[in-house]
Amino acid sequence: EETGLAKTTVIRLVQTLEQIGLLWGTASGY
């Protein structure tokens, strides 16, 4: 909603950020 990016693009970027430790996934979000 806030970036205007496609959901598939967001999921790909979030997964990459999580893999390199810049994001951390929880049950409530990142």
PDB file of all heavy atoms in Angstrom:
ATOM      1  N   GLU A   1       0.813  -1.218   0.000  1.00  0.00           N
ATOM      2  CA  GLU A   1       0.000   0.000   0.000  1.00  0.00           C
ATOM      3  C   GLU A   1       0.847   1.269   0.000  1.00  0.00           C
ATOM      4  O   GLU A   1       0.522   2.245  -0.667  1.00  0.00           O
ATOM      5  CB  GLU A   1      -0.933  -0.005   1.220  1.00  0.00           C
ATOM      6  CG  GLU A   1      -2.046  -1.034   1.138  1.00  0.00           C
ATOM      7  CD  GLU A   1      -2.931  -1.016   2.372  1.00  0.00           C
ATOM      8  OE1 GLU A   1      -2.587  -0.305   3.344  1.00  0.00           O
ATOM      9  OE2 GLU A   1      -3.976  -1.710   2.370  1.00  0.00           O
ATOM     10  N   GLU A   2       1.949   1.262   0.724  1.00  0.00           N
ATOM     11  CA  GLU A   2       2.720   2.489   0.900  1.00  0.00           C
ATOM     12  C   GLU A   2       3.797   2.706  -0.160  1.00  0.00           C
ATOM     13  O   GLU A   2       4.220   3.835  -0.390  1.00  0.00           O
ATOM     14  CB  GLU A   2       3.342   2.527   2.294  1.00  0.00           C
ATOM     15  CG  GLU A   2       2.276   2.527   3.375  1.00  0.00           C
ATOM     16  CD  GLU A   2       2.796   3.040   4.708  1.00  0.00           C
ATOM     17  OE1 GLU A   2       3.696   3.896   4.705  1.00  0.00           O
ATOM     18  OE2 GLU A   2       2.282   2.559   5.731  1.00  0.00           O
ATOM     19  N   THR A   3       4.240   1.632  -0.803  1.00  0.00           N
ATOM     20  CA  THR A   3       5.242   1.794  -1.859  1.00  0.00           C
ATOM     21  C   THR A   3       4.633   1.799  -3.255  1.00  0.00           C
ATOM     22  O   THR A   3       5.240   2.296  -4.193  1.00  0.00           O
ATOM     23  CB  THR A   3       6.297   0.676  -1.801  1.00  0.00           C
ATOM     24  OG1 THR A   3       5.655  -0.599  -2.067  1.00  0.00           O
ATOM     25  CG2 THR A   3       6.986   0.651  -0.442  1.00  0.00           C
ATOM     26  N   GLY A   4       3.420   1.222  -3.371  1.00  0.00           N
ATOM     27  CA  GLY A   4       2.795   1.132  -4.681  1.00  0.00           C
ATOM     28  C   GLY A   4       3.366   0.025  -5.547  1.00  0.00           C
ATOM     29  O   GLY A   4       3.022  -0.093  -6.740  1.00  0.00           O
ATOM     30  N   LEU A   5       4.219  -0.811  -4.978  1.00  0.00           N
ATOM     31  CA  LEU A   5       4.825  -1.908  -5.732  1.00  0.00           C
ATOM     32  C   LEU A   5       3.866  -3.092  -5.817  1.00  0.00           C
ATOM     33  O   LEU A   5       2.982  -3.257  -4.970  1.00  0.00           O
ATOM     34  CB  LEU A   5       6.125  -2.358  -5.052  1.00  0.00           C
ATOM     35  CG  LEU A   5       7.250  -1.331  -4.986  1.00  0.00           C
ATOM     36  CD1 LEU A   5       8.397  -1.869  -4.125  1.00  0.00           C
ATOM     37  CD2 LEU A   5       7.745  -0.976  -6.385  1.00  0.00           C
ATOM     38  N   ALA A   6       4.072  -3.923  -6.831  1.00  0.00           N
ATOM     39  CA  ALA A   6       3.265  -5.134  -6.969  1.00  0.00           C
ATOM     40  C   ALA A   6       3.584  -6.088  -5.818  1.00  0.00           C
ATOM     41  O   ALA A   6       4.716  -6.126  -5.322  1.00  0.00           O
ATOM     42  CB  ALA A   6       3.571  -5.807  -8.301  1.00  0.00           C
ATOM     43  N   LYS A   7       2.584  -6.865  -5.408  1.00  0.00           N
ATOM     44  CA  LYS A   7       2.770  -7.773  -4.280  1.00  0.00           C
ATOM     45  C   LYS A   7       3.899  -8.757  -4.539  1.00  0.00           C
ATOM     46  O   LYS A   7       4.702  -9.049  -3.637  1.00  0.00           O
ATOM     47  CB  LYS A   7       1.468  -8.516  -3.985  1.00  0.00           C
ATOM     48  CG  LYS A   7       1.541  -9.402  -2.750  1.00  0.00           C
ATOM     49  CD  LYS A   7       0.194 -10.039  -2.442  1.00  0.00           C
ATOM     50  CE  LYS A   7       0.276 -10.909  -1.199  1.00  0.00           C
ATOM     51  NZ  LYS A   7      -1.040 -11.516  -0.854  1.00  0.00           N
ATOM     52  N   THR A   8       3.998  -9.267  -5.766  1.00  0.00           N
ATOM     53  CA  THR A   8       5.056 -10.230  -6.093  1.00  0.00           C
ATOM     54  C   THR A   8       6.438  -9.590  -5.945  1.00  0.00           C
ATOM     55  O   THR A   8       7.389 -10.225  -5.478  1.00  0.00           O
ATOM     56  CB  THR A   8       4.886 -10.764  -7.528  1.00  0.00           C
ATOM     57  OG1 THR A   8       4.781  -9.640  -8.431  1.00  0.00           O
ATOM     58  CG2 THR A   8       3.632 -11.615  -7.641  1.00  0.00           C
ATOM     59  N   THR A   9       6.554  -8.322  -6.331  1.00  0.00           N
ATOM     60  CA  THR A   9       7.826  -7.605  -6.201  1.00  0.00           C
ATOM     61  C   THR A   9       8.174  -7.408  -4.736  1.00  0.00           C
ATOM     62  O   THR A   9       9.329  -7.599  -4.324  1.00  0.00           O
ATOM     63  CB  THR A   9       7.756  -6.236  -6.897  1.00  0.00           C
ATOM     64  OG1 THR A   9       7.463  -6.430  -8.284  1.00  0.00           O
ATOM     65  CG2 THR A   9       9.065  -5.474  -6.761  1.00  0.00           C
ATOM     66  N   VAL A  10       7.180  -7.040  -3.939  1.00  0.00           N
ATOM     67  CA  VAL A  10       7.404  -6.832  -2.508  1.00  0.00           C
ATOM     68  C   VAL A  10       7.858  -8.118  -1.843  1.00  0.00           C
ATOM     69  O   VAL A  10       8.817  -8.130  -1.056  1.00  0.00           O
ATOM     70  CB  VAL A  10       6.124  -6.298  -1.831  1.00  0.00           C
ATOM     71  CG1 VAL A  10       6.256  -6.354  -0.306  1.00  0.00           C
ATOM     72  CG2 VAL A  10       5.838  -4.878  -2.282  1.00  0.00           C
ATOM     73  N   ILE A  11       7.185  -9.221  -2.153  1.00  0.00           N
ATOM     74  CA  ILE A  11       7.554 -10.507  -1.548  1.00  0.00           C
ATOM     75  C   ILE A  11       8.991 -10.882  -1.906  1.00  0.00           C
ATOM     76  O   ILE A  11       9.766 -11.323  -1.053  1.00  0.00           O
ATOM     77  CB  ILE A  11       6.575 -11.608  -2.005  1.00  0.00           C
ATOM     78  CG1 ILE A  11       5.188 -11.355  -1.393  1.00  0.00           C
ATOM     79  CG2 ILE A  11       7.089 -12.990  -1.608  1.00  0.00           C
ATOM     80  CD1 ILE A  11       4.107 -12.288  -1.897  1.00  0.00           C
ATOM     81  N   ARG A  12       9.374 -10.670  -3.163  1.00  0.00           N
ATOM     82  CA  ARG A  12      10.736 -10.989  -3.596  1.00  0.00           C
ATOM     83  C   ARG A  12      11.766 -10.142  -2.855  1.00  0.00           C
ATOM     84  O   ARG A  12      12.778 -10.653  -2.366  1.00  0.00           O
ATOM     85  CB  ARG A  12      10.865 -10.782  -5.107  1.00  0.00           C
ATOM     86  CG  ARG A  12      12.283 -10.939  -5.638  1.00  0.00           C
ATOM     87  CD  ARG A  12      12.304 -10.855  -7.153  1.00  0.00           C
ATOM     88  NE  ARG A  12      11.690  -9.614  -7.644  1.00  0.00           N
ATOM     89  CZ  ARG A  12      12.320  -8.450  -7.677  1.00  0.00           C
ATOM     90  NH1 ARG A  12      13.560  -8.352  -7.221  1.00  0.00           N
ATOM     91  NH2 ARG A  12      11.718  -7.367  -8.136  1.00  0.00           N
ATOM     92  N   LEU A  13      11.495  -8.834  -2.729  1.00  0.00           N
ATOM     93  CA  LEU A  13      12.433  -7.949  -2.048  1.00  0.00           C
ATOM     94  C   LEU A  13      12.520  -8.263  -0.556  1.00  0.00           C
ATOM     95  O   LEU A  13      13.611  -8.270   0.031  1.00  0.00           O
ATOM     96  CB  LEU A  13      11.999  -6.491  -2.242  1.00  0.00           C
ATOM     97  CG  LEU A  13      12.182  -5.912  -3.650  1.00  0.00           C
ATOM     98  CD1 LEU A  13      11.458  -4.572  -3.764  1.00  0.00           C
ATOM     99  CD2 LEU A  13      13.669  -5.739  -3.959  1.00  0.00           C
ATOM    100  N   VAL A  14      11.366  -8.538   0.062  1.00  0.00           N
ATOM    101  CA  VAL A  14      11.349  -8.856   1.489  1.00  0.00           C
ATOM    102  C   VAL A  14      12.117 -10.148   1.761  1.00  0.00           C
ATOM    103  O   VAL A  14      12.877 -10.252   2.735  1.00  0.00           O
ATOM    104  CB  VAL A  14       9.898  -8.959   1.996  1.00  0.00           C
ATOM    105  CG1 VAL A  14       9.844  -9.632   3.373  1.00  0.00           C
ATOM    106  CG2 VAL A  14       9.263  -7.574   2.070  1.00  0.00           C
ATOM    107  N   GLN A  15      11.945 -11.135   0.908  1.00  0.00           N
ATOM    108  CA  GLN A  15      12.666 -12.400   1.079  1.00  0.00           C
ATOM    109  C   GLN A  15      14.177 -12.193   0.992  1.00  0.00           C
ATOM    110  O   GLN A  15      14.936 -12.768   1.773  1.00  0.00           O
ATOM    111  CB  GLN A  15      12.205 -13.415   0.030  1.00  0.00           C
ATOM    112  CG  GLN A  15      10.805 -13.953   0.281  1.00  0.00           C
ATOM    113  CD  GLN A  15      10.325 -14.871  -0.834  1.00  0.00           C
ATOM    114  OE1 GLN A  15      10.848 -14.852  -1.961  1.00  0.00           O
ATOM    115  NE2 GLN A  15       9.320 -15.676  -0.537  1.00  0.00           N
ATOM    116  N   THR A  16      14.585 -11.356   0.051  1.00  0.00           N
ATOM    117  CA  THR A  16      16.020 -11.065  -0.091  1.00  0.00           C
ATOM    118  C   THR A  16      16.549 -10.344   1.142  1.00  0.00           C
ATOM    119  O   THR A  16      17.617 -10.684   1.671  1.00  0.00           O
ATOM    120  CB  THR A  16      16.272 -10.200  -1.346  1.00  0.00           C
ATOM    121  OG1 THR A  16      15.826 -10.906  -2.502  1.00  0.00           O
ATOM    122  CG2 THR A  16      17.755  -9.879  -1.491  1.00  0.00           C
ATOM    123  N   LEU A  17      15.808  -9.335   1.606  1.00  0.00           N
ATOM    124  CA  LEU A  17      16.229  -8.584   2.796  1.00  0.00           C
ATOM    125  C   LEU A  17      16.278  -9.486   4.027  1.00  0.00           C
ATOM    126  O   LEU A  17      17.145  -9.324   4.890  1.00  0.00           O
ATOM    127  CB  LEU A  17      15.272  -7.418   3.039  1.00  0.00           C
ATOM    128  CG  LEU A  17      15.344  -6.264   2.023  1.00  0.00           C
ATOM    129  CD1 LEU A  17      14.173  -5.299   2.217  1.00  0.00           C
ATOM    130  CD2 LEU A  17      16.673  -5.519   2.162  1.00  0.00           C
ATOM    131  N   GLU A  18      15.353 -10.438   4.093  1.00  0.00           N
ATOM    132  CA  GLU A  18      15.348 -11.364   5.227  1.00  0.00           C
ATOM    133  C   GLU A  18      16.540 -12.318   5.155  1.00  0.00           C
ATOM    134  O   GLU A  18      17.181 -12.614   6.168  1.00  0.00           O
ATOM    135  CB  GLU A  18      14.033 -12.145   5.254  1.00  0.00           C
ATOM    136  CG  GLU A  18      13.850 -12.972   6.512  1.00  0.00           C
ATOM    137  CD  GLU A  18      12.474 -13.620   6.590  1.00  0.00           C
ATOM    138  OE1 GLU A  18      11.806 -13.732   5.549  1.00  0.00           O
ATOM    139  OE2 GLU A  18      12.087 -14.011   7.706  1.00  0.00           O
ATOM    140  N   GLN A  19      16.874 -12.770   3.959  1.00  0.00           N
ATOM    141  CA  GLN A  19      17.999 -13.692   3.785  1.00  0.00           C
ATOM    142  C   GLN A  19      19.325 -13.072   4.217  1.00  0.00           C
ATOM    143  O   GLN A  19      20.197 -13.755   4.752  1.00  0.00           O
ATOM    144  CB  GLN A  19      18.083 -14.138   2.325  1.00  0.00           C
ATOM    145  CG  GLN A  19      16.988 -15.106   1.907  1.00  0.00           C
ATOM    146  CD  GLN A  19      16.959 -15.337   0.406  1.00  0.00           C
ATOM    147  OE1 GLN A  19      17.827 -14.853  -0.333  1.00  0.00           O
ATOM    148  NE2 GLN A  19      15.967 -16.079  -0.063  1.00  0.00           N
ATOM    149  N   ILE A  20      19.482 -11.767   3.992  1.00  0.00           N
ATOM    150  CA  ILE A  20      20.751 -11.114   4.357  1.00  0.00           C
ATOM    151  C   ILE A  20      20.684 -10.459   5.738  1.00  0.00           C
ATOM    152  O   ILE A  20      21.617  -9.760   6.143  1.00  0.00           O
ATOM    153  CB  ILE A  20      21.174 -10.076   3.298  1.00  0.00           C
ATOM    154  CG1 ILE A  20      20.121  -8.982   3.119  1.00  0.00           C
ATOM    155  CG2 ILE A  20      21.452 -10.748   1.970  1.00  0.00           C
ATOM    156  CD1 ILE A  20      20.504  -7.921   2.100  1.00  0.00           C
ATOM    157  N   GLY A  21      19.585 -10.703   6.453  1.00  0.00           N
ATOM    158  CA  GLY A  21      19.498 -10.291   7.838  1.00  0.00           C
ATOM    159  C   GLY A  21      19.052  -8.868   8.095  1.00  0.00           C
ATOM    160  O   GLY A  21      19.109  -8.386   9.230  1.00  0.00           O
ATOM    161  N   LEU A  22      18.575  -8.169   7.043  1.00  0.00           N
ATOM    162  CA  LEU A  22      18.150  -6.786   7.235  1.00  0.00           C
ATOM    163  C   LEU A  22      16.691  -6.688   7.663  1.00  0.00           C
ATOM    164  O   LEU A  22      16.264  -5.650   8.158  1.00  0.00           O
ATOM    165  CB  LEU A  22      18.394  -5.972   5.965  1.00  0.00           C
ATOM    166  CG  LEU A  22      19.851  -5.926   5.489  1.00  0.00           C
ATOM    167  CD1 LEU A  22      19.994  -5.023   4.286  1.00  0.00           C
ATOM    168  CD2 LEU A  22      20.774  -5.466   6.609  1.00  0.00           C
ATOM    169  N   LEU A  23      15.928  -7.742   7.452  1.00  0.00           N
ATOM    170  CA  LEU A  23      14.566  -7.854   7.969  1.00  0.00           C
ATOM    171  C   LEU A  23      14.448  -9.164   8.731  1.00  0.00           C
ATOM    172  O   LEU A  23      15.186 -10.128   8.468  1.00  0.00           O
ATOM    173  CB  LEU A  23      13.534  -7.820   6.838  1.00  0.00           C
ATOM    174  CG  LEU A  23      13.198  -6.471   6.200  1.00  0.00           C
ATOM    175  CD1 LEU A  23      12.162  -6.659   5.100  1.00  0.00           C
ATOM    176  CD2 LEU A  23      12.693  -5.458   7.230  1.00  0.00           C
ATOM    177  N   TRP A  24      13.501  -9.206   9.653  1.00  0.00           N
ATOM    178  CA  TRP A  24      13.272 -10.416  10.447  1.00  0.00           C
ATOM    179  C   TRP A  24      11.775 -10.673  10.481  1.00  0.00           C
ATOM    180  O   TRP A  24      11.004  -9.842  10.934  1.00  0.00           O
ATOM    181  CB  TRP A  24      13.816 -10.214  11.864  1.00  0.00           C
ATOM    182  CG  TRP A  24      13.788 -11.452  12.720  1.00  0.00           C
ATOM    183  CD1 TRP A  24      12.769 -11.855  13.536  1.00  0.00           C
ATOM    184  CD2 TRP A  24      14.816 -12.435  12.827  1.00  0.00           C
ATOM    185  NE1 TRP A  24      13.093 -13.024  14.158  1.00  0.00           N
ATOM    186  CE2 TRP A  24      14.359 -13.415  13.751  1.00  0.00           C
ATOM    187  CE3 TRP A  24      16.081 -12.586  12.265  1.00  0.00           C
ATOM    188  CZ2 TRP A  24      15.118 -14.531  14.100  1.00  0.00           C
ATOM    189  CZ3 TRP A  24      16.839 -13.689  12.616  1.00  0.00           C
ATOM    190  CH2 TRP A  24      16.357 -14.650  13.520  1.00  0.00           C
ATOM    191  N   GLY A  25      11.374 -11.830   9.962  1.00  0.00           N
ATOM    192  CA  GLY A  25       9.963 -12.162   9.900  1.00  0.00           C
ATOM    193  C   GLY A  25       9.413 -12.661  11.227  1.00  0.00           C
ATOM    194  O   GLY A  25      10.057 -13.443  11.921  1.00  0.00           O
ATOM    195  N   THR A  26       8.220 -12.165  11.595  1.00  0.00           N
ATOM    196  CA  THR A  26       7.520 -12.618  12.801  1.00  0.00           C
ATOM    197  C   THR A  26       6.077 -12.946  12.417  1.00  0.00           C
ATOM    198  O   THR A  26       5.653 -12.701  11.276  1.00  0.00           O
ATOM    199  CB  THR A  26       7.514 -11.526  13.895  1.00  0.00           C
ATOM    200  OG1 THR A  26       6.608 -10.475  13.489  1.00  0.00           O
ATOM    201  CG2 THR A  26       8.905 -10.945  14.104  1.00  0.00           C
ATOM    202  N   ALA A  27       5.332 -13.449  13.377  1.00  0.00           N
ATOM    203  CA  ALA A  27       3.933 -13.785  13.100  1.00  0.00           C
ATOM    204  C   ALA A  27       3.109 -12.534  12.802  1.00  0.00           C
ATOM    205  O   ALA A  27       2.065 -12.614  12.141  1.00  0.00           O
ATOM    206  CB  ALA A  27       3.339 -14.531  14.294  1.00  0.00           C
ATOM    207  N   SER A  28       3.559 -11.377  13.270  1.00  0.00           N
ATOM    208  CA  SER A  28       2.801 -10.135  13.093  1.00  0.00           C
ATOM    209  C   SER A  28       3.285  -9.274  11.942  1.00  0.00           C
ATOM    210  O   SER A  28       2.650  -8.280  11.597  1.00  0.00           O
ATOM    211  CB  SER A  28       2.861  -9.308  14.386  1.00  0.00           C
ATOM    212  OG  SER A  28       2.392 -10.056  15.483  1.00  0.00           O
ATOM    213  N   GLY A  29       4.427  -9.625  11.369  1.00  0.00           N
ATOM    214  CA  GLY A  29       4.979  -8.825  10.282  1.00  0.00           C
ATOM    215  C   GLY A  29       6.489  -8.878  10.277  1.00  0.00           C
ATOM    216  O   GLY A  29       7.088  -9.790  10.856  1.00  0.00           O
ATOM    217  N   TYR A  30       7.103  -7.885   9.661  1.00  0.00           N
ATOM    218  CA  TYR A  30       8.556  -7.856   9.530  1.00  0.00           C
ATOM    219  C   TYR A  30       9.143  -6.705  10.349  1.00  0.00           C
ATOM    220  O   TYR A  30       8.640  -5.586  10.324  1.00  0.00           O
ATOM    221  CB  TYR A  30       8.959  -7.712   8.065  1.00  0.00           C
ATOM    222  CG  TYR A  30       8.643  -8.946   7.257  1.00  0.00           C
ATOM    223  CD1 TYR A  30       7.390  -9.110   6.680  1.00  0.00           C
ATOM    224  CD2 TYR A  30       9.576  -9.964   7.113  1.00  0.00           C
ATOM    225  CE1 TYR A  30       7.079 -10.254   5.962  1.00  0.00           C
ATOM    226  CE2 TYR A  30       9.277 -11.120   6.393  1.00  0.00           C
ATOM    227  CZ  TYR A  30       8.030 -11.258   5.819  1.00  0.00           C
ATOM    228  OH  TYR A  30       7.725 -12.388   5.120  1.00  0.00           O
TER     229      TYR A  30
END
